[in-house]
Amino acid sequence: PAITGQLQPTEALHHPTCHRRESVAVMGKESKKEKKASKHALPEHLELQRTHLICGHEMNTHTRTITSANVYMPLGIDNAWDIDEFKQNFRIKINKLDREEGTMQFDLVGVDPAVANALRRILIAEIPTVAIEHVFVVNNTSIIQDEVLAHRLGLVPLLVDPALLEMKTAEEAPSEKNTLVFKMEVTCRRRGAEVENGSVLSSSIQWLPGGSEMPDETGCRFAAQGQANVFSEPPRPVHDNILVAKMRPGQTIQLEAHAIKGIGKDHAKWSPVATAWYNNLPEMFLLKEPDAATAAILLEAAPGLFVRDKGKFKINQARDFPQLLEKVRALLEQPAVAEVVQYRKRKDYFIFNIESSGVIQPDALLTQALDMLHDKAHRLTTVV
């Protein structure tokens, strides 16, 4: 933030409080350095409890995050949150990004679990997308009931830029500004030995840029130009092969579907992710060199995680062997194993995964989620 009322350089040279202000600034820098150094002067066992949770064969211990500023005051150590230390430690590292599959994995480092969880909840529930909300069934002679068919259509992800539509309130009439109109008209027929349209797929959902074909019944009226020039690409389902219904010869489905903008907090169909989750960075720590019998047990149970290199027992990166970690946890029931290795997880290091529904690319989802988290923090500063 800008600092107002600062002295001009020519004034500061001769101002009587100039040297006092400089000394206070120097003292402030020194106190910050001392505070940062003191936080890392904890006894080893307390530092481990502060930074890691310990995984036992039956339960985890030290799971609570220690954020209170005065928790270590009896030891003369200040645990207050420090913005400079946060800036130094915080980072995001992209590990995998597959836009074709819509998946992404990244490391989120240097934050409290509450921040990681807030990011996860924003991804799931607060980034807007477009989904079918109202279905007007003209004819449905298939075995699927109208309400079940409408529910299935609502869950079909639509490839539409939500920024091009306005949010529609319950009181507003549908228009070209807040509604997309689709239609589905499919009839199952027998052609010789083959059955045509026995499976109704999402490819049957067709966009109507001019709006509703039955405005009197739906109350949806577009302006004369409609939406033909609004979208660079025609709105459509993300995938063309989603099964919507099954029919037999002679059965038909004819309907009109209206899609609006919404968020996952209101209904899961508006969630832009199939799922978003994280787990703490796992670590396998060697407490002491194992004897031959214990080493043999570990090498057999988790090959690759535990290795012998030039006669020495070594542990590789635990995150590269997620399928073996629970096997090691079970082995911790044996005292000989528990004395040799310790399975633990970093409290401020999260391996984050995003699986997009295909509506928005996962890297764009992360950017939007971070922007929303920033806006929430900014609003909080205005009311505190």
Foldseek 3Di string as FASTA:
>chain_A
DDDPPDDDPVCLVPDPCNVVVVVVVVVVVVVVVVLVVLQVVDPPVVVCLQWWWFFALVGIPSQDHDADQCPCVVVPHGRHDDPVVQVVWFDKAWDDFDQVQQKTKIKTFRDFVVVVVLLQCCLQWPDKFKFWDDKFWPFFPFPDDPVLLSVLRRLQGKQDDQVQADADDPPDFAELRWKWKWKAKDAWADDDPDIPPQWPWQLRTGTDQQWDPCCVVRVYHYPPVGCPPRDPDDMGGLDGGHTSGGGDHPTITIMMTMMGMDTCNVPSSGNFFPHKDKDFQKDKDFQDFADPVLLVVVCVQDPPQWDADPNGIDGDRVVVCVVRPSVLSNVSVDVSSVNTMIMMGTRRMMTIMTRGPRNDRPVVSSVVSVVVVVVVVVVVVVVD
